[in-house]
N, C-alpha and C. Protein backbone atom coordinates (compact mmCIF):
# COMPACT_ATOMS: atom_id res chain seq x y z
N MET A 1 17.60 6.75 -15.67
CA MET A 1 17.12 7.46 -14.20
C MET A 1 18.31 6.84 -13.54
N SER A 2 19.15 7.62 -12.63
CA SER A 2 20.09 6.98 -12.06
C SER A 2 19.92 6.49 -10.53
N GLU A 3 20.58 5.70 -10.11
CA GLU A 3 20.61 5.40 -8.61
C GLU A 3 20.23 6.56 -7.67
N ARG A 4 20.90 7.40 -7.71
CA ARG A 4 20.93 8.42 -6.58
C ARG A 4 19.58 9.40 -7.03
N THR A 5 19.27 9.33 -8.38
CA THR A 5 17.80 10.01 -8.33
C THR A 5 16.75 9.16 -7.62
N GLU A 6 16.68 7.63 -8.02
CA GLU A 6 15.83 6.80 -7.62
C GLU A 6 15.61 6.67 -6.02
N ARG A 7 16.78 6.95 -5.35
CA ARG A 7 17.01 6.80 -3.93
C ARG A 7 15.96 8.39 -3.43
N ASP A 8 16.64 9.35 -4.09
CA ASP A 8 15.87 10.50 -3.34
C ASP A 8 14.49 10.38 -3.57
N GLU A 9 14.13 9.89 -4.92
CA GLU A 9 12.43 10.00 -5.19
C GLU A 9 11.77 8.89 -4.01
N LEU A 10 12.50 7.81 -3.86
CA LEU A 10 11.86 6.70 -3.02
C LEU A 10 11.66 7.44 -1.76
N ALA A 11 13.01 8.11 -1.17
CA ALA A 11 12.84 8.67 0.46
C ALA A 11 11.86 9.84 0.22
N GLY A 12 11.51 10.48 -0.87
CA GLY A 12 10.33 11.35 -0.99
C GLY A 12 8.94 10.53 -0.77
N PHE A 13 9.05 9.52 -1.25
CA PHE A 13 7.56 9.11 -1.08
C PHE A 13 7.45 8.30 0.35
N CYS A 14 8.52 8.08 1.00
CA CYS A 14 8.29 7.62 2.11
C CYS A 14 7.82 8.61 3.14
N ARG A 15 8.56 9.71 2.90
CA ARG A 15 7.83 10.83 3.55
C ARG A 15 6.62 11.20 3.34
N ARG A 16 6.37 11.14 2.35
CA ARG A 16 4.75 11.63 1.85
C ARG A 16 3.80 10.43 2.66
N LEU A 17 4.31 9.28 2.83
CA LEU A 17 3.40 8.14 3.53
C LEU A 17 3.14 8.73 4.80
N TRP A 18 4.38 9.12 5.21
CA TRP A 18 4.28 9.30 6.98
C TRP A 18 3.49 10.76 7.32
N GLU A 19 3.60 11.73 6.29
CA GLU A 19 2.97 12.90 6.35
C GLU A 19 1.23 12.78 6.23
N ARG A 20 0.76 11.92 5.28
CA ARG A 20 -0.56 11.54 5.19
C ARG A 20 -0.84 10.52 6.32
N SER A 21 -0.33 10.32 7.33
CA SER A 21 -0.49 9.37 8.32
C SER A 21 -1.04 7.93 7.79
N LEU A 22 -0.32 7.45 6.74
CA LEU A 22 -0.46 6.25 6.46
C LEU A 22 0.55 4.99 7.00
N THR A 23 1.47 5.44 7.58
CA THR A 23 2.39 5.02 8.62
C THR A 23 2.27 5.56 9.87
N SER A 24 3.11 4.82 10.99
CA SER A 24 3.31 5.51 12.05
C SER A 24 4.67 4.70 12.92
N GLY A 25 5.34 5.42 13.73
CA GLY A 25 6.11 4.65 14.52
C GLY A 25 7.25 4.41 13.23
N SER A 26 7.71 2.86 13.57
CA SER A 26 8.76 2.61 12.44
C SER A 26 7.77 1.63 11.76
N SER A 27 6.66 1.36 11.46
CA SER A 27 5.63 0.78 10.78
C SER A 27 5.92 1.16 9.33
N GLY A 28 5.57 0.12 8.22
CA GLY A 28 5.82 0.51 6.81
C GLY A 28 6.92 0.38 6.00
N ASN A 29 6.67 -0.21 5.01
CA ASN A 29 8.15 -0.41 4.10
C ASN A 29 7.51 -0.37 2.51
N VAL A 30 8.76 -0.04 1.85
CA VAL A 30 8.64 0.42 0.38
C VAL A 30 9.83 -0.26 -0.28
N SER A 31 9.45 -0.30 -1.37
CA SER A 31 10.78 -1.02 -2.21
C SER A 31 10.40 -0.57 -3.83
N LEU A 32 11.41 -0.29 -4.26
CA LEU A 32 11.48 0.09 -5.87
C LEU A 32 12.39 -0.77 -6.58
N ARG A 33 11.79 -1.52 -7.74
CA ARG A 33 12.96 -2.27 -8.58
C ARG A 33 13.50 -1.53 -9.81
N LEU A 34 15.02 -1.68 -9.72
CA LEU A 34 15.69 -0.92 -10.59
C LEU A 34 15.77 -1.58 -11.90
N GLU A 35 16.39 -1.02 -12.65
CA GLU A 35 16.60 -1.50 -14.25
C GLU A 35 17.15 -2.77 -14.33
N ASP A 36 18.14 -2.95 -13.33
CA ASP A 36 19.19 -4.24 -13.67
C ASP A 36 18.48 -4.99 -12.58
N GLY A 37 17.15 -5.01 -12.10
CA GLY A 37 16.55 -6.48 -11.18
C GLY A 37 17.08 -6.03 -9.84
N ASP A 38 17.81 -5.31 -9.40
CA ASP A 38 17.98 -5.03 -7.94
C ASP A 38 17.07 -4.30 -7.47
N LEU A 39 16.78 -4.32 -6.00
CA LEU A 39 15.76 -3.50 -5.35
C LEU A 39 16.49 -2.72 -4.66
N LEU A 40 15.72 -1.40 -4.67
CA LEU A 40 15.85 -0.28 -3.01
C LEU A 40 14.55 -0.57 -2.26
N ALA A 41 15.30 -0.97 -1.22
CA ALA A 41 14.02 -1.29 -0.13
C ALA A 41 14.64 -0.35 1.55
N THR A 42 13.33 -0.08 1.99
CA THR A 42 13.55 0.47 3.36
C THR A 42 14.71 -0.51 4.37
N PRO A 43 14.94 0.25 5.46
CA PRO A 43 15.68 -0.44 6.26
C PRO A 43 14.88 -1.11 7.43
N SER A 44 14.98 -2.15 8.09
CA SER A 44 14.55 -2.59 9.14
C SER A 44 14.57 -1.61 10.38
N GLY A 45 13.17 -1.19 11.18
CA GLY A 45 13.42 -0.60 12.38
C GLY A 45 13.57 1.05 12.28
N ARG A 46 13.39 1.46 11.03
CA ARG A 46 13.46 3.10 11.02
C ARG A 46 12.04 3.61 10.44
N SER A 47 11.83 4.56 10.95
CA SER A 47 10.43 5.57 10.80
C SER A 47 10.94 6.08 9.31
N LEU A 48 9.45 5.78 8.23
CA LEU A 48 9.75 6.34 7.13
C LEU A 48 9.78 7.94 7.03
N ALA A 49 9.54 8.53 8.01
CA ALA A 49 9.20 9.96 8.28
C ALA A 49 10.40 10.93 7.76
N ASN A 50 11.71 10.26 7.96
CA ASN A 50 12.96 11.19 7.89
C ASN A 50 14.16 9.99 7.29
N LEU A 51 13.93 9.14 6.30
CA LEU A 51 14.66 8.34 5.94
C LEU A 51 15.72 9.11 5.06
N ALA A 52 16.92 9.05 4.92
CA ALA A 52 18.00 9.64 4.01
C ALA A 52 18.21 8.69 2.98
N PRO A 53 18.09 9.25 1.62
CA PRO A 53 18.23 8.31 0.46
C PRO A 53 19.52 7.26 0.80
N ASN A 54 20.63 7.54 1.38
CA ASN A 54 21.69 6.71 1.66
C ASN A 54 21.36 5.48 2.69
N GLU A 55 19.86 5.71 3.29
CA GLU A 55 19.97 4.37 4.36
C GLU A 55 19.14 3.52 3.48
N LEU A 56 18.68 3.82 2.13
CA LEU A 56 17.85 2.93 1.82
C LEU A 56 18.57 1.53 1.41
N VAL A 57 18.43 0.50 1.29
CA VAL A 57 19.18 -0.87 1.16
C VAL A 57 19.07 -1.27 -0.03
N ARG A 58 20.17 -1.38 -0.66
CA ARG A 58 20.12 -2.20 -2.12
C ARG A 58 20.06 -3.45 -1.92
N VAL A 59 19.26 -4.42 -2.43
CA VAL A 59 19.38 -5.66 -2.46
C VAL A 59 19.38 -6.68 -3.79
N ALA A 60 19.89 -7.50 -3.87
CA ALA A 60 19.93 -8.55 -5.23
C ALA A 60 18.69 -8.94 -5.24
N PRO A 61 17.96 -9.66 -6.86
CA PRO A 61 16.91 -9.99 -6.57
C PRO A 61 16.71 -11.37 -5.77
N ASP A 62 17.61 -11.88 -5.28
CA ASP A 62 17.15 -12.83 -4.25
C ASP A 62 17.19 -12.20 -2.76
N GLY A 63 17.13 -11.09 -2.59
CA GLY A 63 17.06 -10.30 -1.71
C GLY A 63 17.98 -9.93 -0.34
N THR A 64 19.63 -10.46 -0.77
CA THR A 64 20.64 -10.49 -0.24
C THR A 64 21.19 -9.15 -0.41
N PRO A 65 21.02 -7.95 1.01
CA PRO A 65 21.63 -6.78 0.68
C PRO A 65 23.26 -6.83 0.20
N ARG A 66 23.30 -5.93 -1.03
CA ARG A 66 24.51 -5.77 -1.36
C ARG A 66 25.65 -5.14 -0.32
N ASP A 67 25.34 -4.39 0.47
CA ASP A 67 25.94 -3.89 1.74
C ASP A 67 25.67 -5.08 3.02
N PRO A 68 26.37 -5.77 3.37
CA PRO A 68 25.98 -6.78 4.46
C PRO A 68 25.79 -6.01 5.73
N ALA A 69 26.37 -5.02 5.78
CA ALA A 69 26.24 -3.86 7.18
C ALA A 69 24.87 -3.51 7.15
N GLN A 70 24.10 -3.36 6.13
CA GLN A 70 22.67 -2.83 6.37
C GLN A 70 21.68 -4.03 6.57
N ARG A 71 20.68 -3.50 7.23
CA ARG A 71 19.88 -4.47 7.70
C ARG A 71 17.97 -4.04 6.67
N VAL A 72 17.94 -4.79 5.89
CA VAL A 72 16.57 -4.55 4.91
C VAL A 72 15.45 -4.90 5.94
N THR A 73 14.17 -4.46 5.47
CA THR A 73 12.95 -4.74 5.95
C THR A 73 12.82 -6.07 6.41
N SER A 74 11.98 -6.35 7.30
CA SER A 74 11.77 -7.65 7.96
C SER A 74 10.45 -8.24 6.86
N GLU A 75 9.84 -7.17 6.24
CA GLU A 75 8.83 -7.66 5.11
C GLU A 75 9.52 -8.07 3.56
N LEU A 76 10.55 -7.79 3.53
CA LEU A 76 10.99 -8.22 2.27
C LEU A 76 10.43 -9.30 1.53
N PRO A 77 9.94 -10.56 2.12
CA PRO A 77 9.52 -11.46 1.39
C PRO A 77 8.37 -11.31 0.80
N LEU A 78 7.55 -10.29 1.23
CA LEU A 78 6.28 -9.81 0.89
C LEU A 78 6.71 -9.31 -0.57
N HIS A 79 7.63 -8.27 -0.53
CA HIS A 79 8.14 -7.79 -1.68
C HIS A 79 8.73 -8.53 -2.87
N LEU A 80 9.57 -9.51 -2.43
CA LEU A 80 9.79 -10.51 -3.30
C LEU A 80 8.89 -11.16 -4.19
N ALA A 81 8.12 -11.79 -3.58
CA ALA A 81 7.11 -12.43 -3.98
C ALA A 81 5.97 -11.32 -4.94
N ALA A 82 5.73 -10.54 -4.49
CA ALA A 82 5.04 -9.52 -5.32
C ALA A 82 5.70 -9.35 -6.76
N TYR A 83 7.14 -9.05 -6.88
CA TYR A 83 8.07 -9.13 -7.89
C TYR A 83 8.24 -10.32 -8.82
N ARG A 84 8.19 -11.22 -8.16
CA ARG A 84 8.24 -12.62 -8.67
C ARG A 84 6.73 -12.99 -9.35
N VAL A 85 5.58 -12.53 -8.97
CA VAL A 85 4.30 -12.70 -9.77
C VAL A 85 4.06 -11.81 -10.62
N ARG A 86 4.71 -10.52 -10.60
CA ARG A 86 4.03 -9.72 -11.15
C ARG A 86 5.28 -8.45 -11.98
N PRO A 87 5.56 -9.55 -13.13
CA PRO A 87 6.76 -8.69 -13.78
C PRO A 87 6.64 -7.09 -14.11
N ASP A 88 5.39 -7.06 -14.16
CA ASP A 88 4.96 -5.79 -14.80
C ASP A 88 4.94 -4.70 -13.76
N ILE A 89 5.26 -5.13 -12.57
CA ILE A 89 5.24 -3.61 -11.67
C ILE A 89 6.65 -3.01 -11.10
N CYS A 90 7.21 -2.35 -10.66
CA CYS A 90 8.32 -1.64 -10.39
C CYS A 90 8.35 -1.28 -8.90
N CYS A 91 7.31 -1.29 -8.07
CA CYS A 91 7.34 -1.07 -6.76
C CYS A 91 6.26 -1.69 -5.75
N VAL A 92 6.71 -1.62 -4.58
CA VAL A 92 5.82 -2.32 -3.33
C VAL A 92 5.54 -1.19 -2.31
N VAL A 93 4.35 -0.83 -1.87
CA VAL A 93 4.14 -0.03 -0.93
C VAL A 93 3.35 -0.80 0.30
N HIS A 94 3.89 -1.14 1.28
CA HIS A 94 3.32 -1.73 2.37
C HIS A 94 3.20 -0.62 3.49
N THR A 95 1.82 -0.22 3.96
CA THR A 95 1.47 0.73 4.80
C THR A 95 0.59 0.09 6.26
N HIS A 96 0.47 0.71 7.20
CA HIS A 96 -0.63 0.46 8.47
C HIS A 96 -1.55 1.45 8.69
N PRO A 97 -2.27 1.85 7.53
CA PRO A 97 -3.12 2.95 7.77
C PRO A 97 -4.56 2.34 8.74
N THR A 98 -4.73 3.19 9.51
CA THR A 98 -5.75 3.16 10.86
C THR A 98 -6.81 2.49 10.38
N PHE A 99 -7.79 3.23 9.20
CA PHE A 99 -8.87 2.41 8.84
C PHE A 99 -9.25 1.39 8.09
N SER A 100 -8.02 1.13 7.27
CA SER A 100 -7.85 -0.14 6.57
C SER A 100 -7.71 -1.25 7.41
N VAL A 101 -6.76 -1.00 8.66
CA VAL A 101 -6.32 -2.12 9.33
C VAL A 101 -7.55 -2.36 10.30
N VAL A 102 -8.65 -1.17 10.60
CA VAL A 102 -9.75 -1.74 11.32
C VAL A 102 -10.71 -2.52 10.40
N TRP A 103 -10.74 -2.44 9.49
CA TRP A 103 -11.66 -3.21 8.32
C TRP A 103 -11.01 -4.56 8.31
N SER A 104 -9.87 -4.59 8.22
CA SER A 104 -9.10 -5.87 8.17
C SER A 104 -9.44 -6.86 9.12
N LYS A 105 -9.89 -6.08 10.25
CA LYS A 105 -10.42 -7.08 11.37
C LYS A 105 -11.76 -7.79 11.35
N THR A 106 -12.47 -7.06 10.30
CA THR A 106 -13.77 -7.82 10.41
C THR A 106 -14.16 -8.54 9.49
N GLY A 107 -12.87 -9.15 9.03
CA GLY A 107 -13.03 -10.28 8.03
C GLY A 107 -13.87 -10.13 6.57
N ARG A 108 -13.84 -8.77 6.18
CA ARG A 108 -14.31 -8.56 4.91
C ARG A 108 -13.67 -6.98 4.32
N LEU A 109 -14.03 -6.57 3.24
CA LEU A 109 -13.59 -5.26 2.66
C LEU A 109 -14.52 -4.15 2.93
N PHE A 110 -14.01 -3.06 3.25
CA PHE A 110 -14.92 -1.71 2.99
C PHE A 110 -15.54 -1.67 1.87
N ALA A 111 -16.79 -0.90 2.05
CA ALA A 111 -17.39 -0.70 0.87
C ALA A 111 -16.71 0.13 -0.28
N ARG A 112 -16.64 0.34 -1.31
CA ARG A 112 -16.08 0.72 -2.36
C ARG A 112 -17.10 1.72 -3.42
N ASP A 113 -18.33 2.29 -2.45
CA ASP A 113 -19.35 2.92 -3.19
C ASP A 113 -19.54 4.21 -3.49
N THR A 114 -18.48 5.05 -3.04
CA THR A 114 -18.44 6.66 -3.17
C THR A 114 -17.90 6.67 -4.92
N VAL A 115 -18.04 8.20 -5.32
CA VAL A 115 -17.68 8.30 -6.72
C VAL A 115 -16.13 8.07 -6.72
N GLY A 116 -15.79 8.57 -5.80
CA GLY A 116 -13.90 8.55 -5.93
C GLY A 116 -13.80 7.25 -6.05
N ALA A 117 -14.11 6.12 -5.14
CA ALA A 117 -13.57 5.04 -5.10
C ALA A 117 -13.99 4.01 -6.50
N MET A 118 -15.32 4.24 -6.71
CA MET A 118 -15.86 3.74 -7.91
C MET A 118 -14.99 4.10 -9.32
N GLU A 119 -14.53 5.61 -9.27
CA GLU A 119 -13.85 5.84 -10.64
C GLU A 119 -12.46 5.48 -10.68
N SER A 120 -11.67 5.55 -9.53
CA SER A 120 -10.27 5.45 -9.42
C SER A 120 -9.86 4.64 -8.58
N LEU A 121 -10.18 3.77 -7.54
CA LEU A 121 -9.43 2.69 -6.84
C LEU A 121 -9.75 1.50 -7.32
N ARG A 122 -8.47 0.64 -7.38
CA ARG A 122 -8.63 -0.57 -7.97
C ARG A 122 -9.20 -1.74 -7.10
N ALA A 123 -9.50 -2.80 -7.73
CA ALA A 123 -9.93 -3.72 -7.08
C ALA A 123 -9.08 -4.37 -5.80
N CYS A 124 -9.45 -4.59 -4.47
CA CYS A 124 -8.84 -4.89 -3.32
C CYS A 124 -9.23 -6.51 -3.21
N ALA A 125 -8.54 -7.03 -2.44
CA ALA A 125 -8.81 -8.26 -1.98
C ALA A 125 -8.08 -8.30 -0.53
N TRP A 126 -9.16 -9.19 0.44
CA TRP A 126 -8.63 -9.37 1.52
C TRP A 126 -7.78 -10.78 1.98
N THR A 127 -7.12 -10.83 2.95
CA THR A 127 -6.14 -11.97 3.18
C THR A 127 -6.35 -12.21 4.62
N PRO A 128 -6.61 -13.41 5.09
CA PRO A 128 -6.59 -13.62 6.20
C PRO A 128 -5.13 -13.56 7.27
N TYR A 129 -5.01 -13.71 8.35
CA TYR A 129 -3.78 -13.09 8.97
C TYR A 129 -2.99 -14.32 8.93
N ARG A 130 -1.71 -13.81 8.65
CA ARG A 130 -0.35 -14.39 8.88
C ARG A 130 0.71 -13.65 9.45
N LYS A 131 1.45 -14.25 10.28
CA LYS A 131 2.52 -13.56 10.93
C LYS A 131 3.21 -12.91 9.97
N ASN A 132 3.57 -11.53 10.31
CA ASN A 132 4.39 -10.50 9.58
C ASN A 132 6.08 -10.99 9.25
N GLY A 133 6.28 -10.84 7.99
CA GLY A 133 7.71 -11.28 7.76
C GLY A 133 8.03 -12.72 7.12
N THR A 134 6.72 -13.55 7.34
CA THR A 134 6.92 -14.84 6.65
C THR A 134 6.78 -15.06 5.35
N GLN A 135 7.27 -16.50 4.98
CA GLN A 135 7.02 -16.59 3.59
C GLN A 135 5.33 -16.91 3.54
N GLU A 136 4.73 -17.57 4.54
CA GLU A 136 3.64 -17.68 4.34
C GLU A 136 2.72 -16.56 3.65
N LEU A 137 3.12 -15.55 4.49
CA LEU A 137 2.28 -14.43 4.35
C LEU A 137 2.79 -14.10 3.05
N ALA A 138 3.94 -13.72 2.63
CA ALA A 138 4.23 -13.59 1.23
C ALA A 138 3.59 -14.19 0.08
N GLU A 139 3.35 -15.56 0.20
CA GLU A 139 2.78 -16.40 -0.86
C GLU A 139 1.56 -16.15 -0.66
N LEU A 140 0.61 -15.96 0.65
CA LEU A 140 -0.63 -15.54 0.57
C LEU A 140 -1.10 -14.75 -0.40
N CYS A 141 -0.25 -13.28 -0.10
CA CYS A 141 -0.66 -11.96 -0.82
C CYS A 141 -0.20 -12.25 -2.29
N GLY A 142 0.60 -12.99 -2.49
CA GLY A 142 1.30 -13.12 -3.98
C GLY A 142 0.59 -13.72 -4.74
N CYS A 143 -0.46 -14.83 -4.19
CA CYS A 143 -1.68 -15.35 -5.03
C CYS A 143 -2.56 -14.38 -5.44
N GLU A 144 -2.72 -13.29 -4.68
CA GLU A 144 -3.53 -12.55 -5.00
C GLU A 144 -3.22 -11.45 -5.78
N PHE A 145 -1.96 -11.20 -5.97
CA PHE A 145 -1.22 -10.17 -6.75
C PHE A 145 -1.06 -11.14 -8.26
N ALA A 146 -1.05 -12.23 -7.98
CA ALA A 146 -0.79 -12.94 -9.23
C ALA A 146 -2.02 -13.25 -10.14
N ARG A 147 -3.08 -12.83 -9.66
CA ARG A 147 -4.67 -13.04 -10.34
C ARG A 147 -4.84 -11.66 -10.75
N GLY A 148 -4.16 -10.61 -10.68
CA GLY A 148 -4.33 -9.17 -11.33
C GLY A 148 -4.44 -8.13 -10.25
N ILE A 149 -4.66 -8.72 -8.81
CA ILE A 149 -5.30 -7.35 -7.80
C ILE A 149 -3.83 -6.63 -7.80
N ASP A 150 -4.08 -5.44 -7.37
CA ASP A 150 -3.19 -4.60 -7.01
C ASP A 150 -3.15 -4.03 -5.40
N LEU A 151 -3.95 -4.37 -4.89
CA LEU A 151 -4.32 -4.07 -3.25
C LEU A 151 -5.06 -4.88 -2.64
N VAL A 152 -3.88 -5.34 -1.48
CA VAL A 152 -4.27 -6.42 -0.66
C VAL A 152 -4.60 -5.88 0.55
N VAL A 153 -5.49 -6.08 1.34
CA VAL A 153 -5.81 -5.60 2.97
C VAL A 153 -5.51 -7.01 3.66
N MET A 154 -4.41 -6.68 4.53
CA MET A 154 -4.05 -7.92 5.50
C MET A 154 -4.77 -7.96 6.75
N GLU A 155 -5.22 -9.09 7.13
CA GLU A 155 -6.05 -8.72 8.44
C GLU A 155 -5.01 -8.78 9.48
N ARG A 156 -5.81 -7.66 10.33
CA ARG A 156 -4.70 -7.42 11.51
C ARG A 156 -3.53 -6.65 11.29
N HIS A 157 -3.17 -6.22 10.00
CA HIS A 157 -2.07 -6.22 9.75
C HIS A 157 -1.93 -4.71 8.99
N GLY A 158 -2.37 -4.66 7.54
CA GLY A 158 -2.30 -3.37 7.16
C GLY A 158 -2.28 -3.52 5.71
N LEU A 159 -1.87 -2.77 4.70
CA LEU A 159 -2.33 -2.38 3.13
C LEU A 159 -1.26 -2.49 2.13
N THR A 160 -1.10 -3.35 1.56
CA THR A 160 -0.11 -3.37 0.40
C THR A 160 -0.54 -3.25 -1.05
N ALA A 161 -0.01 -2.14 -1.56
CA ALA A 161 -0.27 -1.62 -2.92
C ALA A 161 1.07 -2.01 -4.10
N ILE A 162 0.83 -2.35 -4.83
CA ILE A 162 1.79 -2.45 -6.05
C ILE A 162 1.38 -1.87 -7.55
N SER A 163 2.69 -1.58 -7.93
CA SER A 163 2.11 -0.81 -9.18
C SER A 163 3.28 -0.64 -10.11
N HIS A 164 3.15 0.19 -11.19
CA HIS A 164 4.38 0.32 -12.23
C HIS A 164 5.03 1.74 -11.98
N ASP A 165 4.20 2.38 -10.92
CA ASP A 165 5.35 3.59 -10.48
C ASP A 165 4.81 3.94 -8.90
N LEU A 166 5.92 4.94 -8.55
CA LEU A 166 5.74 5.11 -7.11
C LEU A 166 4.00 6.13 -6.65
N GLU A 167 4.08 7.05 -8.04
CA GLU A 167 3.00 7.73 -7.80
C GLU A 167 1.53 7.23 -7.67
N ASP A 168 1.51 6.36 -8.29
CA ASP A 168 0.44 5.51 -8.60
C ASP A 168 0.09 4.74 -7.23
N ALA A 169 0.91 4.27 -6.93
CA ALA A 169 1.08 3.41 -5.39
C ALA A 169 0.56 4.17 -4.52
N PHE A 170 0.97 5.46 -4.54
CA PHE A 170 0.84 6.39 -3.30
C PHE A 170 -0.85 6.76 -3.38
N VAL A 171 -1.21 6.90 -4.79
CA VAL A 171 -2.39 7.40 -4.87
C VAL A 171 -3.51 6.46 -4.30
N GLN A 172 -3.07 5.08 -4.73
CA GLN A 172 -4.14 3.83 -4.57
C GLN A 172 -4.00 3.76 -2.93
N THR A 173 -2.90 3.70 -2.43
CA THR A 173 -2.95 3.63 -0.85
C THR A 173 -4.01 4.52 -0.34
N GLU A 174 -3.73 5.90 -0.70
CA GLU A 174 -4.46 7.15 -0.10
C GLU A 174 -6.25 6.74 -0.23
N LEU A 175 -6.18 6.44 -1.56
CA LEU A 175 -7.67 6.31 -1.96
C LEU A 175 -8.38 5.20 -1.35
N ALA A 176 -7.57 3.82 -1.10
CA ALA A 176 -8.15 3.10 -0.02
C ALA A 176 -8.20 3.11 1.13
N GLU A 177 -7.55 3.96 1.84
CA GLU A 177 -7.87 4.35 3.39
C GLU A 177 -8.88 5.38 3.62
N GLU A 178 -8.80 6.53 2.54
CA GLU A 178 -10.14 7.05 2.36
C GLU A 178 -11.28 6.51 2.05
N ALA A 179 -11.49 5.27 1.42
CA ALA A 179 -12.68 4.60 1.07
C ALA A 179 -12.95 3.98 2.54
N ALA A 180 -11.93 3.46 3.17
CA ALA A 180 -12.23 2.91 4.44
C ALA A 180 -12.72 3.70 5.49
N LYS A 181 -12.05 4.84 5.66
CA LYS A 181 -12.60 5.69 6.62
C LYS A 181 -13.93 6.09 6.49
N ILE A 182 -14.51 6.56 5.12
CA ILE A 182 -15.67 6.94 5.03
C ILE A 182 -16.90 5.60 5.42
N ALA A 183 -16.34 4.32 4.71
CA ALA A 183 -17.20 3.40 5.09
C ALA A 183 -17.38 3.36 6.70
N TYR A 184 -16.10 3.43 7.29
CA TYR A 184 -16.49 3.23 9.02
C TYR A 184 -17.30 4.48 9.39
N TYR A 185 -17.22 5.55 9.24
CA TYR A 185 -18.05 6.75 9.60
C TYR A 185 -19.57 6.63 9.24
N SER A 186 -19.58 6.31 7.90
CA SER A 186 -20.96 5.95 7.48
C SER A 186 -21.83 4.73 8.03
N ALA A 187 -21.14 3.91 8.64
CA ALA A 187 -21.75 2.65 9.38
C ALA A 187 -22.35 3.17 10.96
N TYR A 188 -22.07 4.38 11.17
CA TYR A 188 -22.65 4.86 12.28
C TYR A 188 -23.88 5.83 12.22
N LEU A 189 -23.88 6.35 11.10
CA LEU A 189 -24.80 7.43 10.50
C LEU A 189 -26.12 6.61 10.42
N PRO A 190 -27.30 7.27 10.42
CA PRO A 190 -28.63 6.64 10.25
C PRO A 190 -28.66 6.73 8.76
N ARG A 191 -29.65 5.72 8.08
CA ARG A 191 -29.57 5.51 6.71
C ARG A 191 -30.31 6.80 6.20
N ALA A 192 -29.69 7.47 5.35
CA ALA A 192 -30.66 8.80 4.70
C ALA A 192 -31.77 8.31 3.93
N ALA A 193 -32.78 9.19 3.91
CA ALA A 193 -33.82 8.75 2.76
C ALA A 193 -33.43 8.81 1.47
N GLU A 194 -34.18 8.08 0.64
CA GLU A 194 -33.92 7.95 -0.91
C GLU A 194 -34.12 9.17 -1.46
N PRO A 195 -32.99 9.84 -1.97
CA PRO A 195 -33.26 11.20 -2.75
C PRO A 195 -33.97 10.84 -3.93
N SER A 196 -34.84 12.06 -3.96
CA SER A 196 -35.63 12.01 -5.29
C SER A 196 -34.80 12.26 -6.66
N ALA A 197 -35.26 11.44 -7.69
CA ALA A 197 -34.74 11.18 -9.12
C ALA A 197 -33.96 12.24 -9.36
N GLU A 198 -34.60 13.63 -9.33
CA GLU A 198 -34.30 14.79 -10.07
C GLU A 198 -34.73 16.03 -9.24
N PRO A 199 -33.81 16.79 -8.78
CA PRO A 199 -34.45 17.92 -7.85
C PRO A 199 -35.12 18.64 -8.31
N GLU A 200 -35.98 19.49 -7.63
CA GLU A 200 -37.07 20.37 -8.49
C GLU A 200 -36.12 21.51 -8.92
N ASN A 201 -36.53 22.09 -9.98
CA ASN A 201 -35.79 23.52 -10.49
C ASN A 201 -36.65 24.68 -10.20
N PRO A 202 -36.08 25.58 -9.18
CA PRO A 202 -36.91 26.53 -8.61
C PRO A 202 -37.04 27.57 -9.72
N GLU A 203 -36.55 27.61 -10.68
CA GLU A 203 -36.90 28.78 -11.68
C GLU A 203 -38.09 28.20 -12.32
N ARG A 204 -38.45 27.07 -12.36
CA ARG A 204 -39.79 26.50 -12.91
C ARG A 204 -41.07 26.95 -12.00
N SER A 205 -40.81 26.83 -10.77
CA SER A 205 -41.91 26.95 -9.81
C SER A 205 -42.70 28.13 -9.62
């Protein structure tokens, strides 16, 4: 796949994250690992809503922008840590979805007890607050990724998904936010009575 094609694909996924309200303002950042080890990453201070492919920053494996005039996301240390400990992945998607962030402040993860979450959402981890953009935050999340976790809910911050492709990372991000939303609303509903083991068949009554 050419770099131009990968730039187009990454910019398209950024727009999808925005359209699904998984980011707001200039929050969120995404990166994609190229075949030669370089990364394409979102720039600093820009909304994901309307990024042009040529605005994406190409950086060396050590995080140095190939074009010194471009400013890459301040969360690059988080991305580099994920790639360092997980050679099997090719993308990192960091978002600030509302309900995931709300749950992050409780010190625990949202329930994953719906059919959709149990069937399709992979294991998540919760990490305590560390200042954004720091090596400390990157290493904390990197430890979770290193033990095979693909989704991290970061206290008072956001959600980070890693994957072998952008589509899968997008789906996991969306599933996590939906599970967080359902868990939030369910907490304010009265507990339903236990359903009967098997509903009556009206044709037999």
